[in-house]
Amino acid sequence: MEGKIMEIREMQKNEIAQVVEYYSGIVPPRENKEEDQRNFENEISKAFGSDHMLLALEDNKIVGFLRSQIQLNQDGKKVDRVIMLLIPLDRLGEGIGGQLIEREREYAKIKGADVLDIEIG
């Protein structure tokens, strides 16, 4: 879908329900879908305000989500650790993740992070 304009911006608190719905639509449930949704909603709600969360939007629809935390490592260096990057499998290769990571890199620089750490798995 080249040529589409994508907006990358910080998530707002009133968008938690939309992010939970997005998560539920792309992440297969471990056991119980409702319980997984509830757990994810609780996790994101608790982390909102302390963790950094970005949305990728196309036509006001979420097409990507990134969550990170600023931490100090053992050497005392400030690390911006990306702990969640959600992109639907059918949208891989469209640059959504790259745009989210680039915006996160800018954020890490502003926050004075020495390292941007992206966990894959």
Protein backbone atom coordinates (compact mmCIF):
# COMPACT_ATOMS: atom_id res chain seq x y z
CA MET A 1 0.00 0.00 0.00
CA GLU A 2 2.63 2.48 -0.99
CA GLY A 3 1.60 6.09 -1.20
CA LYS A 4 -0.81 6.00 1.73
CA ILE A 5 -0.26 8.72 4.28
CA MET A 6 0.45 7.27 7.69
CA GLU A 7 0.27 9.20 10.92
CA ILE A 8 2.63 8.23 13.73
CA ARG A 9 1.77 9.80 17.08
CA GLU A 10 1.67 9.24 20.81
CA MET A 11 -1.25 7.23 22.11
CA GLN A 12 -3.84 9.08 24.19
CA LYS A 13 -5.42 7.61 27.32
CA ASN A 14 -8.88 7.62 25.74
CA GLU A 15 -7.55 5.27 23.02
CA ILE A 16 -6.81 2.34 25.34
CA ALA A 17 -10.01 0.50 24.33
CA GLN A 18 -9.13 0.89 20.62
CA VAL A 19 -5.63 -0.45 21.24
CA VAL A 20 -7.06 -3.43 23.16
CA GLU A 21 -9.40 -4.14 20.23
CA TYR A 22 -6.48 -3.84 17.79
CA TYR A 23 -4.37 -6.21 19.96
CA SER A 24 -7.21 -8.74 20.12
CA GLY A 25 -7.57 -8.68 16.35
CA ILE A 26 -3.94 -9.56 15.61
CA VAL A 27 -2.61 -11.54 18.59
CA PRO A 28 -4.00 -15.07 18.91
CA PRO A 29 -5.39 -15.72 22.43
CA ARG A 30 -3.28 -17.89 24.70
CA GLU A 31 -6.25 -19.64 26.30
CA ASN A 32 -9.20 -17.36 26.95
CA LYS A 33 -9.72 -14.41 24.60
CA GLU A 34 -11.70 -12.31 27.11
CA GLU A 35 -9.12 -12.91 29.83
CA ASP A 36 -6.28 -12.02 27.44
CA GLN A 37 -8.07 -8.78 26.50
CA ARG A 38 -8.64 -7.93 30.16
CA ASN A 39 -5.00 -8.64 31.06
CA PHE A 40 -3.70 -6.57 28.14
CA GLU A 41 -6.05 -3.70 29.00
CA ASN A 42 -4.89 -3.76 32.64
CA GLU A 43 -1.23 -3.86 31.56
CA ILE A 44 -1.59 -0.92 29.17
CA SER A 45 -3.72 1.09 31.62
CA LYS A 46 -1.15 0.66 34.41
CA ALA A 47 1.74 1.50 32.09
CA PHE A 48 0.08 4.55 30.54
CA GLY A 49 1.90 7.68 31.62
CA SER A 50 5.13 5.89 32.54
CA ASP A 51 5.78 3.91 29.34
CA HIS A 52 5.98 5.56 25.92
CA MET A 53 3.30 4.37 23.49
CA LEU A 54 3.01 5.19 19.82
CA LEU A 55 0.29 4.49 17.27
CA ALA A 56 0.56 4.17 13.51
CA LEU A 57 -2.71 5.24 11.91
CA GLU A 58 -4.09 5.09 8.39
CA ASP A 59 -7.45 6.77 7.80
CA ASN A 60 -7.76 7.06 11.63
CA LYS A 61 -7.45 3.25 11.94
CA ILE A 62 -4.68 1.69 14.04
CA VAL A 63 -2.23 -0.25 11.87
CA GLY A 64 0.67 -0.41 14.34
CA PHE A 65 1.47 -0.03 18.05
CA LEU A 66 4.78 0.44 19.88
CA ARG A 67 5.45 0.48 23.63
CA SER A 68 8.77 1.33 25.25
CA GLN A 69 10.34 2.05 28.62
CA ILE A 70 13.30 4.22 29.57
CA GLN A 71 15.53 2.24 31.96
CA LEU A 72 19.05 2.36 33.37
CA ASN A 73 21.25 -0.62 32.55
CA GLN A 74 23.95 -2.15 34.79
CA ASP A 75 26.49 0.41 33.55
CA GLY A 76 24.21 3.32 34.44
CA LYS A 77 23.47 4.08 30.78
CA LYS A 78 19.99 5.26 29.85
CA VAL A 79 18.30 2.68 27.61
CA ASP A 80 15.08 3.16 25.66
CA ARG A 81 13.80 -0.41 25.51
CA VAL A 82 11.09 -1.25 22.96
CA ILE A 83 9.10 -3.97 24.68
CA MET A 84 6.18 -4.30 22.27
CA LEU A 85 5.76 -3.75 18.56
CA LEU A 86 2.47 -4.94 17.06
CA ILE A 87 1.92 -5.03 13.30
CA PRO A 88 -0.49 -7.38 11.52
CA LEU A 89 1.28 -10.12 9.55
CA ASP A 90 -0.51 -9.09 6.37
CA ARG A 91 0.98 -5.57 6.72
CA LEU A 92 4.62 -6.62 7.19
CA GLY A 93 6.99 -5.09 4.68
CA GLU A 94 4.97 -1.88 4.29
CA GLY A 95 7.26 0.22 6.49
CA ILE A 96 4.91 0.54 9.46
CA GLY A 97 7.45 -0.86 11.93
CA GLY A 98 10.22 1.22 10.44
CA GLN A 99 8.22 4.41 10.86
CA LEU A 100 7.36 3.54 14.46
CA ILE A 101 11.01 2.72 15.25
CA GLU A 102 12.20 5.94 13.60
CA ARG A 103 9.79 8.00 15.73
CA GLU A 104 10.92 6.08 18.82
CA ARG A 105 14.56 6.81 17.92
CA GLU A 106 13.73 10.53 17.88
CA TYR A 107 12.02 10.17 21.29
CA ALA A 108 15.03 8.30 22.72
CA LYS A 109 17.33 11.07 21.56
CA ILE A 110 15.13 13.76 23.16
CA LYS A 111 15.05 11.75 26.43
CA GLY A 112 18.85 11.46 26.42
CA ALA A 113 18.97 7.70 25.98
CA ASP A 114 22.38 6.23 25.19
CA VAL A 115 20.90 3.11 23.59
CA LEU A 116 17.71 2.13 21.74
CA ASP A 117 17.12 -1.55 22.53
CA ILE A 118 14.59 -3.50 20.47
CA GLU A 119 13.70 -6.94 21.79
CA ILE A 120 12.57 -9.38 19.12
CA GLY A 121 10.65 -12.48 19.98
